[in-house]
Amino acid sequence: MADDMSVSELKIAINSANNVLEMLAEGKKLERWQISKIVLASDYLSSVCTNMRADTHLEDEEEPEESEEESEEEDEGEEEAVNILLIP
Protein backbone atom coordinates (compact mmCIF):
# COMPACT_ATOMS: atom_id res chain seq x y z
CA MET A 1 0.00 0.00 0.00
CA ALA A 2 1.65 3.21 -1.15
CA ASP A 3 0.44 6.48 0.23
CA ASP A 4 -0.12 9.48 -2.01
CA MET A 5 2.80 11.40 -0.52
CA SER A 6 5.31 8.60 -1.28
CA VAL A 7 4.09 8.30 -4.86
CA SER A 8 4.30 12.08 -5.30
CA GLU A 9 7.84 12.21 -3.88
CA LEU A 10 8.97 9.36 -6.14
CA LYS A 11 7.58 11.17 -9.19
CA ILE A 12 9.46 14.33 -8.15
CA ALA A 13 12.67 12.29 -7.79
CA ILE A 14 12.20 10.75 -11.24
CA ASN A 15 11.46 14.14 -12.83
CA SER A 16 14.46 15.77 -11.13
CA ALA A 17 16.78 12.94 -12.16
CA ASN A 18 15.61 13.21 -15.78
CA ASN A 19 16.19 16.98 -15.73
CA VAL A 20 19.71 16.51 -14.35
CA LEU A 21 20.44 13.91 -17.03
CA GLU A 22 19.28 16.35 -19.73
CA MET A 23 21.51 19.12 -18.34
CA LEU A 24 24.48 16.76 -18.24
CA ALA A 25 23.80 15.77 -21.86
CA GLU A 26 23.87 19.48 -22.72
CA GLY A 27 27.37 19.73 -21.23
CA LYS A 28 26.65 21.12 -17.76
CA LYS A 29 29.06 19.97 -15.05
CA LEU A 30 28.24 18.79 -11.55
CA GLU A 31 29.86 20.29 -8.49
CA ARG A 32 31.36 17.99 -5.87
CA TRP A 33 28.51 18.58 -3.37
CA GLN A 34 25.93 17.82 -6.08
CA ILE A 35 27.60 14.50 -6.88
CA SER A 36 27.52 13.66 -3.18
CA LYS A 37 23.77 14.34 -2.99
CA ILE A 38 23.11 12.21 -6.09
CA VAL A 39 25.10 9.30 -4.62
CA LEU A 40 23.21 9.59 -1.33
CA ALA A 41 19.79 9.74 -3.04
CA SER A 42 20.71 6.76 -5.22
CA ASP A 43 21.82 4.76 -2.18
CA TYR A 44 18.60 5.57 -0.29
CA LEU A 45 16.34 4.60 -3.19
CA SER A 46 18.33 1.43 -3.84
CA SER A 47 18.01 0.46 -0.17
CA VAL A 48 14.23 0.96 -0.22
CA CYS A 49 13.91 -1.07 -3.43
CA THR A 50 16.08 -3.92 -2.12
CA ASN A 51 14.17 -4.04 1.16
CA MET A 52 10.78 -4.01 -0.56
CA ARG A 53 11.85 -6.83 -2.90
CA ALA A 54 13.12 -8.88 0.04
CA ASP A 55 9.86 -8.28 1.94
CA THR A 56 7.86 -9.41 -1.09
CA HIS A 57 10.01 -12.52 -1.41
CA LEU A 58 9.49 -13.33 2.29
CA GLU A 59 5.73 -12.83 1.98
CA ASP A 60 5.67 -15.28 -0.95
CA GLU A 61 7.53 -17.87 1.13
CA GLU A 62 5.07 -17.51 4.03
CA GLU A 63 2.07 -18.62 1.97
CA PRO A 64 0.81 -22.03 3.12
CA GLU A 65 2.10 -24.89 1.02
CA GLU A 66 -0.04 -27.72 -0.33
CA SER A 67 0.49 -31.22 0.96
CA GLU A 68 2.79 -33.37 -1.18
CA GLU A 69 -0.11 -35.58 -2.20
CA GLU A 70 -2.25 -32.64 -3.44
CA SER A 71 0.72 -31.11 -5.20
CA GLU A 72 1.64 -34.35 -6.99
CA GLU A 73 -1.93 -34.83 -8.22
CA GLU A 74 -2.14 -31.29 -9.64
CA ASP A 75 1.38 -31.20 -11.06
CA GLU A 76 1.53 -34.55 -12.80
CA GLY A 77 3.31 -34.05 -16.09
CA GLU A 78 4.09 -30.38 -15.35
CA GLU A 79 7.54 -28.95 -14.70
CA GLU A 80 8.11 -27.11 -11.43
CA ALA A 81 8.51 -23.32 -11.73
CA VAL A 82 11.53 -21.71 -10.09
CA ASN A 83 11.31 -18.19 -8.65
CA ILE A 84 14.54 -16.20 -8.71
CA LEU A 85 14.93 -12.91 -6.83
CA LEU A 86 17.24 -10.47 -8.57
CA ILE A 87 18.58 -7.68 -6.38
CA PRO A 88 20.56 -4.93 -8.07
C-alpha atoms as a PDB file:
ATOM      1  CA  MET A   1       0.000   0.000   0.000  1.00  0.00           C
ATOM      2  CA  ALA A   2       1.652   3.214  -1.151  1.00  0.00           C
ATOM      3  CA  ASP A   3       0.442   6.476   0.225  1.00  0.00           C
ATOM      4  CA  ASP A   4      -0.115   9.481  -2.012  1.00  0.00           C
ATOM      5  CA  MET A   5       2.805  11.400  -0.522  1.00  0.00           C
ATOM      6  CA  SER A   6       5.306   8.605  -1.276  1.00  0.00           C
ATOM      7  CA  VAL A   7       4.091   8.301  -4.856  1.00  0.00           C
ATOM      8  CA  SER A   8       4.302  12.080  -5.297  1.00  0.00           C
ATOM      9  CA  GLU A   9       7.841  12.210  -3.879  1.00  0.00           C
ATOM     10  CA  LEU A  10       8.973   9.363  -6.139  1.00  0.00           C
ATOM     11  CA  LYS A  11       7.577  11.172  -9.191  1.00  0.00           C
ATOM     12  CA  ILE A  12       9.456  14.332  -8.149  1.00  0.00           C
ATOM     13  CA  ALA A  13      12.671  12.291  -7.786  1.00  0.00           C
ATOM     14  CA  ILE A  14      12.199  10.748 -11.240  1.00  0.00           C
ATOM     15  CA  ASN A  15      11.463  14.137 -12.828  1.00  0.00           C
ATOM     16  CA  SER A  16      14.464  15.769 -11.133  1.00  0.00           C
ATOM     17  CA  ALA A  17      16.780  12.936 -12.162  1.00  0.00           C
ATOM     18  CA  ASN A  18      15.609  13.211 -15.780  1.00  0.00           C
ATOM     19  CA  ASN A  19      16.192  16.976 -15.729  1.00  0.00           C
ATOM     20  CA  VAL A  20      19.711  16.515 -14.348  1.00  0.00           C
ATOM     21  CA  LEU A  21      20.443  13.909 -17.035  1.00  0.00           C
ATOM     22  CA  GLU A  22      19.277  16.349 -19.727  1.00  0.00           C
ATOM     23  CA  MET A  23      21.510  19.119 -18.345  1.00  0.00           C
ATOM     24  CA  LEU A  24      24.478  16.756 -18.239  1.00  0.00           C
ATOM     25  CA  ALA A  25      23.798  15.769 -21.857  1.00  0.00           C
ATOM     26  CA  GLU A  26      23.873  19.479 -22.720  1.00  0.00           C
ATOM     27  CA  GLY A  27      27.366  19.734 -21.232  1.00  0.00           C
ATOM     28  CA  LYS A  28      26.649  21.120 -17.764  1.00  0.00           C
ATOM     29  CA  LYS A  29      29.058  19.971 -15.050  1.00  0.00           C
ATOM     30  CA  LEU A  30      28.241  18.787 -11.550  1.00  0.00           C
ATOM     31  CA  GLU A  31      29.862  20.292  -8.488  1.00  0.00           C
ATOM     32  CA  ARG A  32      31.359  17.988  -5.875  1.00  0.00           C
ATOM     33  CA  TRP A  33      28.510  18.578  -3.368  1.00  0.00           C
ATOM     34  CA  GLN A  34      25.935  17.825  -6.081  1.00  0.00           C
ATOM     35  CA  ILE A  35      27.598  14.500  -6.877  1.00  0.00           C
ATOM     36  CA  SER A  36      27.521  13.664  -3.180  1.00  0.00           C
ATOM     37  CA  LYS A  37      23.770  14.343  -2.987  1.00  0.00           C
ATOM     38  CA  ILE A  38      23.110  12.205  -6.092  1.00  0.00           C
ATOM     39  CA  VAL A  39      25.096   9.301  -4.624  1.00  0.00           C
ATOM     40  CA  LEU A  40      23.213   9.592  -1.335  1.00  0.00           C
ATOM     41  CA  ALA A  41      19.795   9.735  -3.037  1.00  0.00           C
ATOM     42  CA  SER A  42      20.708   6.764  -5.221  1.00  0.00           C
ATOM     43  CA  ASP A  43      21.820   4.764  -2.181  1.00  0.00           C
ATOM     44  CA  TYR A  44      18.599   5.571  -0.285  1.00  0.00           C
ATOM     45  CA  LEU A  45      16.340   4.597  -3.194  1.00  0.00           C
ATOM     46  CA  SER A  46      18.328   1.432  -3.842  1.00  0.00           C
ATOM     47  CA  SER A  47      18.006   0.463  -0.167  1.00  0.00           C
ATOM     48  CA  VAL A  48      14.235   0.956  -0.223  1.00  0.00           C
ATOM     49  CA  CYS A  49      13.912  -1.070  -3.427  1.00  0.00           C
ATOM     50  CA  THR A  50      16.081  -3.919  -2.121  1.00  0.00           C
ATOM     51  CA  ASN A  51      14.168  -4.043   1.160  1.00  0.00           C
ATOM     52  CA  MET A  52      10.780  -4.014  -0.559  1.00  0.00           C
ATOM     53  CA  ARG A  53      11.847  -6.831  -2.902  1.00  0.00           C
ATOM     54  CA  ALA A  54      13.120  -8.879   0.037  1.00  0.00           C
ATOM     55  CA  ASP A  55       9.863  -8.283   1.943  1.00  0.00           C
ATOM     56  CA  THR A  56       7.857  -9.410  -1.088  1.00  0.00           C
ATOM     57  CA  HIS A  57      10.013 -12.518  -1.405  1.00  0.00           C
ATOM     58  CA  LEU A  58       9.490 -13.334   2.294  1.00  0.00           C
ATOM     59  CA  GLU A  59       5.725 -12.834   1.975  1.00  0.00           C
ATOM     60  CA  ASP A  60       5.667 -15.283  -0.950  1.00  0.00           C
ATOM     61  CA  GLU A  61       7.527 -17.874   1.130  1.00  0.00           C
ATOM     62  CA  GLU A  62       5.073 -17.510   4.033  1.00  0.00           C
ATOM     63  CA  GLU A  63       2.067 -18.624   1.971  1.00  0.00           C
ATOM     64  CA  PRO A  64       0.813 -22.030   3.116  1.00  0.00           C
ATOM     65  CA  GLU A  65       2.102 -24.888   1.024  1.00  0.00           C
ATOM     66  CA  GLU A  66      -0.035 -27.720  -0.333  1.00  0.00           C
ATOM     67  CA  SER A  67       0.491 -31.220   0.957  1.00  0.00           C
ATOM     68  CA  GLU A  68       2.790 -33.366  -1.179  1.00  0.00           C
ATOM     69  CA  GLU A  69      -0.110 -35.584  -2.199  1.00  0.00           C
ATOM     70  CA  GLU A  70      -2.249 -32.644  -3.438  1.00  0.00           C
ATOM     71  CA  SER A  71       0.724 -31.114  -5.195  1.00  0.00           C
ATOM     72  CA  GLU A  72       1.635 -34.347  -6.987  1.00  0.00           C
ATOM     73  CA  GLU A  73      -1.935 -34.831  -8.220  1.00  0.00           C
ATOM     74  CA  GLU A  74      -2.143 -31.289  -9.641  1.00  0.00           C
ATOM     75  CA  ASP A  75       1.377 -31.196 -11.062  1.00  0.00           C
ATOM     76  CA  GLU A  76       1.530 -34.553 -12.800  1.00  0.00           C
ATOM     77  CA  GLY A  77       3.310 -34.055 -16.095  1.00  0.00           C
ATOM     78  CA  GLU A  78       4.086 -30.381 -15.349  1.00  0.00           C
ATOM     79  CA  GLU A  79       7.542 -28.949 -14.698  1.00  0.00           C
ATOM     80  CA  GLU A  80       8.112 -27.115 -11.433  1.00  0.00           C
ATOM     81  CA  ALA A  81       8.511 -23.320 -11.730  1.00  0.00           C
ATOM     82  CA  VAL A  82      11.530 -21.714 -10.089  1.00  0.00           C
ATOM     83  CA  ASN A  83      11.312 -18.185  -8.648  1.00  0.00           C
ATOM     84  CA  ILE A  84      14.542 -16.195  -8.714  1.00  0.00           C
ATOM     85  CA  LEU A  85      14.933 -12.913  -6.826  1.00  0.00           C
ATOM     86  CA  LEU A  86      17.241 -10.468  -8.566  1.00  0.00           C
ATOM     87  CA  ILE A  87      18.581  -7.682  -6.380  1.00  0.00           C
ATOM     88  CA  PRO A  88      20.565  -4.932  -8.069  1.00  0.00           C
END
